[in-house]
Amino acid sequence: MLSEDDRRGWNAIDKAAKEAGGYLAPPNRPLIIEHDYRAMTQYCREKNISKIDMTEDEIKMFEYPEPLIYA
């Protein structure tokens, strides 16, 4: 249970947030890194390797530049 001082503190935060236009919070879902699997498959065919055998650096070559966040 909140004390009276705690309530006043939260009320002050709520009032400041309302005056500023609302609260900001980080997304509550994890960042999803997408890969270009079509290009990755072509790369593996050219190198005659399996995707499971790719190095981390090779995999990073196929990350899309902007990670996607799903809502």
PDB file of N, CA and C in Angstrom:
ATOM      1  N   MET A   1       0.841  -1.178   0.000  1.00  0.00           N
ATOM      2  CA  MET A   1       0.000   0.000   0.000  1.00  0.00           C
ATOM      3  C   MET A   1       0.886   1.240   0.000  1.00  0.00           C
ATOM      4  N   LEU A   2       0.509   2.217  -0.790  1.00  0.00           N
ATOM      5  CA  LEU A   2       1.290   3.441  -0.889  1.00  0.00           C
ATOM      6  C   LEU A   2       1.001   4.365   0.287  1.00  0.00           C
ATOM      7  N   SER A   3       2.052   4.999   0.738  1.00  0.00           N
ATOM      8  CA  SER A   3       1.869   6.007   1.787  1.00  0.00           C
ATOM      9  C   SER A   3       1.329   7.285   1.140  1.00  0.00           C
ATOM     10  N   GLU A   4       0.907   8.200   1.964  1.00  0.00           N
ATOM     11  CA  GLU A   4       0.379   9.471   1.455  1.00  0.00           C
ATOM     12  C   GLU A   4       1.457  10.242   0.699  1.00  0.00           C
ATOM     13  N   ASP A   5       2.696  10.190   1.188  1.00  0.00           N
ATOM     14  CA  ASP A   5       3.803  10.861   0.490  1.00  0.00           C
ATOM     15  C   ASP A   5       4.051  10.221  -0.883  1.00  0.00           C
ATOM     16  N   ASP A   6       3.981   8.895  -0.925  1.00  0.00           N
ATOM     17  CA  ASP A   6       4.166   8.204  -2.204  1.00  0.00           C
ATOM     18  C   ASP A   6       3.076   8.591  -3.204  1.00  0.00           C
ATOM     19  N   ARG A   7       1.846   8.669  -2.710  1.00  0.00           N
ATOM     20  CA  ARG A   7       0.728   9.067  -3.582  1.00  0.00           C
ATOM     21  C   ARG A   7       0.927  10.468  -4.133  1.00  0.00           C
ATOM     22  N   ARG A   8       1.374  11.382  -3.272  1.00  0.00           N
ATOM     23  CA  ARG A   8       1.627  12.751  -3.737  1.00  0.00           C
ATOM     24  C   ARG A   8       2.717  12.745  -4.810  1.00  0.00           C
ATOM     25  N   GLY A   9       3.732  11.940  -4.581  1.00  0.00           N
ATOM     26  CA  GLY A   9       4.813  11.844  -5.570  1.00  0.00           C
ATOM     27  C   GLY A   9       4.312  11.330  -6.909  1.00  0.00           C
ATOM     28  N   TRP A  10       3.497  10.268  -6.874  1.00  0.00           N
ATOM     29  CA  TRP A  10       2.947   9.727  -8.117  1.00  0.00           C
ATOM     30  C   TRP A  10       1.991  10.713  -8.770  1.00  0.00           C
ATOM     31  N   ASN A  11       1.227  11.431  -7.973  1.00  0.00           N
ATOM     32  CA  ASN A  11       0.323  12.439  -8.529  1.00  0.00           C
ATOM     33  C   ASN A  11       1.110  13.532  -9.242  1.00  0.00           C
ATOM     34  N   ALA A  12       2.247  13.921  -8.662  1.00  0.00           N
ATOM     35  CA  ALA A  12       3.090  14.935  -9.300  1.00  0.00           C
ATOM     36  C   ALA A  12       3.653  14.416 -10.622  1.00  0.00           C
ATOM     37  N   ILE A  13       4.055  13.149 -10.639  1.00  0.00           N
ATOM     38  CA  ILE A  13       4.562  12.546 -11.878  1.00  0.00           C
ATOM     39  C   ILE A  13       3.450  12.483 -12.922  1.00  0.00           C
ATOM     40  N   ASP A  14       2.265  12.059 -12.524  1.00  0.00           N
ATOM     41  CA  ASP A  14       1.129  11.989 -13.445  1.00  0.00           C
ATOM     42  C   ASP A  14       0.795  13.372 -14.015  1.00  0.00           C
ATOM     43  N   LYS A  15       0.818  14.373 -13.171  1.00  0.00           N
ATOM     44  CA  LYS A  15       0.500  15.732 -13.612  1.00  0.00           C
ATOM     45  C   LYS A  15       1.555  16.219 -14.611  1.00  0.00           C
ATOM     46  N   ALA A  16       2.833  15.978 -14.305  1.00  0.00           N
ATOM     47  CA  ALA A  16       3.903  16.402 -15.214  1.00  0.00           C
ATOM     48  C   ALA A  16       3.796  15.673 -16.551  1.00  0.00           C
ATOM     49  N   ALA A  17       3.477  14.395 -16.513  1.00  0.00           N
ATOM     50  CA  ALA A  17       3.336  13.623 -17.747  1.00  0.00           C
ATOM     51  C   ALA A  17       2.175  14.139 -18.580  1.00  0.00           C
ATOM     52  N   LYS A  18       1.081  14.462 -17.916  1.00  0.00           N
ATOM     53  CA  LYS A  18      -0.092  14.975 -18.630  1.00  0.00           C
ATOM     54  C   LYS A  18       0.239  16.302 -19.302  1.00  0.00           C
ATOM     55  N   GLU A  19       0.960  17.165 -18.598  1.00  0.00           N
ATOM     56  CA  GLU A  19       1.333  18.459 -19.165  1.00  0.00           C
ATOM     57  C   GLU A  19       2.327  18.302 -20.318  1.00  0.00           C
ATOM     58  N   ALA A  20       3.138  17.262 -20.275  1.00  0.00           N
ATOM     59  CA  ALA A  20       4.135  17.031 -21.328  1.00  0.00           C
ATOM     60  C   ALA A  20       3.561  16.267 -22.515  1.00  0.00           C
ATOM     61  N   GLY A  21       2.344  15.805 -22.410  1.00  0.00           N
ATOM     62  CA  GLY A  21       1.723  15.106 -23.528  1.00  0.00           C
ATOM     63  C   GLY A  21       1.646  13.602 -23.366  1.00  0.00           C
ATOM     64  N   GLY A  22       2.004  13.086 -22.215  1.00  0.00           N
ATOM     65  CA  GLY A  22       1.881  11.648 -21.971  1.00  0.00           C
ATOM     66  C   GLY A  22       3.192  11.017 -21.557  1.00  0.00           C
ATOM     67  N   TYR A  23       3.130   9.728 -21.339  1.00  0.00           N
ATOM     68  CA  TYR A  23       4.300   8.957 -20.930  1.00  0.00           C
ATOM     69  C   TYR A  23       5.003   8.381 -22.153  1.00  0.00           C
ATOM     70  N   LEU A  24       6.296   8.145 -22.025  1.00  0.00           N
ATOM     71  CA  LEU A  24       7.062   7.416 -23.020  1.00  0.00           C
ATOM     72  C   LEU A  24       7.598   6.166 -22.357  1.00  0.00           C
ATOM     73  N   ALA A  25       7.555   5.084 -23.072  1.00  0.00           N
ATOM     74  CA  ALA A  25       8.064   3.829 -22.532  1.00  0.00           C
ATOM     75  C   ALA A  25       8.696   3.034 -23.666  1.00  0.00           C
ATOM     76  N   PRO A  26       9.713   2.262 -23.357  1.00  0.00           N
ATOM     77  CA  PRO A  26      10.302   1.420 -24.402  1.00  0.00           C
ATOM     78  C   PRO A  26       9.309   0.334 -24.807  1.00  0.00           C
ATOM     79  N   PRO A  27       9.452  -0.182 -26.013  1.00  0.00           N
ATOM     80  CA  PRO A  27       8.538  -1.252 -26.418  1.00  0.00           C
ATOM     81  C   PRO A  27       8.690  -2.448 -25.488  1.00  0.00           C
ATOM     82  N   ASN A  28       7.586  -3.094 -25.215  1.00  0.00           N
ATOM     83  CA  ASN A  28       7.649  -4.220 -24.292  1.00  0.00           C
ATOM     84  C   ASN A  28       7.908  -5.537 -25.005  1.00  0.00           C
ATOM     85  N   ARG A  29       8.106  -5.481 -26.300  1.00  0.00           N
ATOM     86  CA  ARG A  29       8.468  -6.679 -27.051  1.00  0.00           C
ATOM     87  C   ARG A  29       9.920  -6.570 -27.475  1.00  0.00           C
ATOM     88  N   PRO A  30      10.580  -7.688 -27.618  1.00  0.00           N
ATOM     89  CA  PRO A  30      11.992  -7.640 -28.000  1.00  0.00           C
ATOM     90  C   PRO A  30      12.183  -7.166 -29.432  1.00  0.00           C
ATOM     91  N   LEU A  31      13.356  -6.658 -29.673  1.00  0.00           N
ATOM     92  CA  LEU A  31      13.728  -6.236 -31.012  1.00  0.00           C
ATOM     93  C   LEU A  31      13.895  -7.483 -31.882  1.00  0.00           C
ATOM     94  N   ILE A  32      13.308  -7.458 -33.047  1.00  0.00           N
ATOM     95  CA  ILE A  32      13.383  -8.596 -33.961  1.00  0.00           C
ATOM     96  C   ILE A  32      14.354  -8.237 -35.085  1.00  0.00           C
ATOM     97  N   ILE A  33      15.412  -9.005 -35.243  1.00  0.00           N
ATOM     98  CA  ILE A  33      16.352  -8.772 -36.330  1.00  0.00           C
ATOM     99  C   ILE A  33      15.955  -9.675 -37.482  1.00  0.00           C
ATOM    100  N   GLU A  34      15.677  -9.054 -38.610  1.00  0.00           N
ATOM    101  CA  GLU A  34      15.251  -9.793 -39.796  1.00  0.00           C
ATOM    102  C   GLU A  34      16.437 -10.017 -40.722  1.00  0.00           C
ATOM    103  N   HIS A  35      16.398 -11.112 -41.450  1.00  0.00           N
ATOM    104  CA  HIS A  35      17.445 -11.452 -42.406  1.00  0.00           C
ATOM    105  C   HIS A  35      16.858 -11.646 -43.793  1.00  0.00           C
ATOM    106  N   ASP A  36      17.678 -11.371 -44.789  1.00  0.00           N
ATOM    107  CA  ASP A  36      17.289 -11.615 -46.171  1.00  0.00           C
ATOM    108  C   ASP A  36      17.642 -13.062 -46.499  1.00  0.00           C
ATOM    109  N   TYR A  37      16.687 -13.961 -46.245  1.00  0.00           N
ATOM    110  CA  TYR A  37      16.944 -15.388 -46.404  1.00  0.00           C
ATOM    111  C   TYR A  37      17.132 -15.792 -47.865  1.00  0.00           C
ATOM    112  N   ARG A  38      16.519 -15.085 -48.767  1.00  0.00           N
ATOM    113  CA  ARG A  38      16.708 -15.408 -50.184  1.00  0.00           C
ATOM    114  C   ARG A  38      18.163 -15.160 -50.592  1.00  0.00           C
ATOM    115  N   ALA A  39      18.700 -14.006 -50.206  1.00  0.00           N
ATOM    116  CA  ALA A  39      20.102 -13.701 -50.509  1.00  0.00           C
ATOM    117  C   ALA A  39      21.038 -14.642 -49.749  1.00  0.00           C
ATOM    118  N   MET A  40      20.679 -14.988 -48.526  1.00  0.00           N
ATOM    119  CA  MET A  40      21.489 -15.903 -47.729  1.00  0.00           C
ATOM    120  C   MET A  40      21.552 -17.282 -48.397  1.00  0.00           C
ATOM    121  N   THR A  41      20.425 -17.755 -48.896  1.00  0.00           N
ATOM    122  CA  THR A  41      20.378 -19.048 -49.580  1.00  0.00           C
ATOM    123  C   THR A  41      21.249 -19.025 -50.832  1.00  0.00           C
ATOM    124  N   GLN A  42      21.158 -17.950 -51.592  1.00  0.00           N
ATOM    125  CA  GLN A  42      21.978 -17.819 -52.801  1.00  0.00           C
ATOM    126  C   GLN A  42      23.466 -17.816 -52.435  1.00  0.00           C
ATOM    127  N   TYR A  43      23.823 -17.101 -51.390  1.00  0.00           N
ATOM    128  CA  TYR A  43      25.210 -17.047 -50.917  1.00  0.00           C
ATOM    129  C   TYR A  43      25.708 -18.447 -50.552  1.00  0.00           C
ATOM    130  N   CYS A  44      24.893 -19.186 -49.820  1.00  0.00           N
ATOM    131  CA  CYS A  44      25.283 -20.535 -49.405  1.00  0.00           C
ATOM    132  C   CYS A  44      25.455 -21.462 -50.604  1.00  0.00           C
ATOM    133  N   ARG A  45      24.608 -21.318 -51.605  1.00  0.00           N
ATOM    134  CA  ARG A  45      24.746 -22.138 -52.809  1.00  0.00           C
ATOM    135  C   ARG A  45      26.050 -21.828 -53.532  1.00  0.00           C
ATOM    136  N   GLU A  46      26.360 -20.522 -53.613  1.00  0.00           N
ATOM    137  CA  GLU A  46      27.595 -20.120 -54.296  1.00  0.00           C
ATOM    138  C   GLU A  46      28.840 -20.610 -53.546  1.00  0.00           C
ATOM    139  N   LYS A  47      28.785 -20.591 -52.215  1.00  0.00           N
ATOM    140  CA  LYS A  47      29.917 -21.023 -51.391  1.00  0.00           C
ATOM    141  C   LYS A  47      29.894 -22.526 -51.114  1.00  0.00           C
ATOM    142  N   ASN A  48      28.811 -23.190 -51.531  1.00  0.00           N
ATOM    143  CA  ASN A  48      28.623 -24.620 -51.293  1.00  0.00           C
ATOM    144  C   ASN A  48      28.714 -24.966 -49.798  1.00  0.00           C
ATOM    145  N   ILE A  49      27.989 -24.178 -49.005  1.00  0.00           N
ATOM    146  CA  ILE A  49      27.920 -24.415 -47.560  1.00  0.00           C
ATOM    147  C   ILE A  49      26.460 -24.439 -47.125  1.00  0.00           C
ATOM    148  N   SER A  50      26.235 -24.952 -45.933  1.00  0.00           N
ATOM    149  CA  SER A  50      24.900 -24.956 -45.346  1.00  0.00           C
ATOM    150  C   SER A  50      24.741 -23.708 -44.476  1.00  0.00           C
ATOM    151  N   LYS A  51      23.518 -23.256 -44.306  1.00  0.00           N
ATOM    152  CA  LYS A  51      23.288 -22.085 -43.446  1.00  0.00           C
ATOM    153  C   LYS A  51      23.786 -22.323 -42.026  1.00  0.00           C
ATOM    154  N   ILE A  52      23.695 -23.544 -41.564  1.00  0.00           N
ATOM    155  CA  ILE A  52      24.127 -23.856 -40.201  1.00  0.00           C
ATOM    156  C   ILE A  52      25.641 -23.686 -40.049  1.00  0.00           C
ATOM    157  N   ASP A  53      26.377 -23.739 -41.159  1.00  0.00           N
ATOM    158  CA  ASP A  53      27.830 -23.614 -41.117  1.00  0.00           C
ATOM    159  C   ASP A  53      28.316 -22.182 -41.299  1.00  0.00           C
ATOM    160  N   MET A  54      27.401 -21.246 -41.468  1.00  0.00           N
ATOM    161  CA  MET A  54      27.797 -19.843 -41.651  1.00  0.00           C
ATOM    162  C   MET A  54      28.363 -19.270 -40.363  1.00  0.00           C
ATOM    163  N   THR A  55      29.332 -18.380 -40.504  1.00  0.00           N
ATOM    164  CA  THR A  55      29.887 -17.695 -39.334  1.00  0.00           C
ATOM    165  C   THR A  55      28.955 -16.557 -38.940  1.00  0.00           C
ATOM    166  N   GLU A  56      29.172 -16.009 -37.753  1.00  0.00           N
ATOM    167  CA  GLU A  56      28.348 -14.878 -37.306  1.00  0.00           C
ATOM    168  C   GLU A  56      28.524 -13.690 -38.237  1.00  0.00           C
ATOM    169  N   ASP A  57      29.742 -13.462 -38.704  1.00  0.00           N
ATOM    170  CA  ASP A  57      29.985 -12.345 -39.621  1.00  0.00           C
ATOM    171  C   ASP A  57      29.247 -12.543 -40.942  1.00  0.00           C
ATOM    172  N   GLU A  58      29.214 -13.773 -41.420  1.00  0.00           N
ATOM    173  CA  GLU A  58      28.487 -14.043 -42.658  1.00  0.00           C
ATOM    174  C   GLU A  58      26.994 -13.810 -42.460  1.00  0.00           C
ATOM    175  N   ILE A  59      26.461 -14.244 -41.350  1.00  0.00           N
ATOM    176  CA  ILE A  59      25.035 -14.054 -41.066  1.00  0.00           C
ATOM    177  C   ILE A  59      24.703 -12.569 -40.970  1.00  0.00           C
ATOM    178  N   LYS A  60      25.580 -11.803 -40.334  1.00  0.00           N
ATOM    179  CA  LYS A  60      25.338 -10.360 -40.185  1.00  0.00           C
ATOM    180  C   LYS A  60      25.281  -9.640 -41.522  1.00  0.00           C
ATOM    181  N   MET A  61      25.944 -10.207 -42.528  1.00  0.00           N
ATOM    182  CA  MET A  61      25.902  -9.574 -43.858  1.00  0.00           C
ATOM    183  C   MET A  61      24.483  -9.519 -44.401  1.00  0.00           C
ATOM    184  N   PHE A  62      23.593 -10.384 -43.903  1.00  0.00           N
ATOM    185  CA  PHE A  62      22.247 -10.492 -44.450  1.00  0.00           C
ATOM    186  C   PHE A  62      21.175  -9.876 -43.547  1.00  0.00           C
ATOM    187  N   GLU A  63      21.593  -9.169 -42.507  1.00  0.00           N
ATOM    188  CA  GLU A  63      20.624  -8.468 -41.649  1.00  0.00           C
ATOM    189  C   GLU A  63      20.108  -7.247 -42.393  1.00  0.00           C
ATOM    190  N   TYR A  64      18.820  -7.021 -42.281  1.00  0.00           N
ATOM    191  CA  TYR A  64      18.276  -5.792 -42.820  1.00  0.00           C
ATOM    192  C   TYR A  64      18.798  -4.631 -41.995  1.00  0.00           C
ATOM    193  N   PRO A  65      19.016  -3.464 -42.618  1.00  0.00           N
ATOM    194  CA  PRO A  65      19.626  -2.341 -41.893  1.00  0.00           C
ATOM    195  C   PRO A  65      18.793  -1.821 -40.729  1.00  0.00           C
ATOM    196  N   GLU A  66      17.489  -1.871 -40.829  1.00  0.00           N
ATOM    197  CA  GLU A  66      16.623  -1.377 -39.761  1.00  0.00           C
ATOM    198  C   GLU A  66      15.920  -2.555 -39.092  1.00  0.00           C
ATOM    199  N   PRO A  67      16.268  -2.854 -37.833  1.00  0.00           N
ATOM    200  CA  PRO A  67      15.534  -3.925 -37.137  1.00  0.00           C
ATOM    201  C   PRO A  67      14.059  -3.562 -37.027  1.00  0.00           C
ATOM    202  N   LEU A  68      13.221  -4.573 -37.052  1.00  0.00           N
ATOM    203  CA  LEU A  68      11.780  -4.361 -36.971  1.00  0.00           C
ATOM    204  C   LEU A  68      11.299  -4.630 -35.556  1.00  0.00           C
ATOM    205  N   ILE A  69      10.342  -3.843 -35.118  1.00  0.00           N
ATOM    206  CA  ILE A  69       9.703  -4.054 -33.822  1.00  0.00           C
ATOM    207  C   ILE A  69       8.246  -4.355 -34.099  1.00  0.00           C
ATOM    208  N   TYR A  70       7.789  -5.500 -33.651  1.00  0.00           N
ATOM    209  CA  TYR A  70       6.400  -5.870 -33.871  1.00  0.00           C
ATOM    210  C   TYR A  70       5.565  -5.391 -32.700  1.00  0.00           C
ATOM    211  N   ALA A  71       4.437  -4.805 -33.016  1.00  0.00           N
ATOM    212  CA  ALA A  71       3.546  -4.307 -31.970  1.00  0.00           C
ATOM    213  C   ALA A  71       2.583  -5.367 -31.536  1.00  0.00           C
TER     214      ALA A  71
END
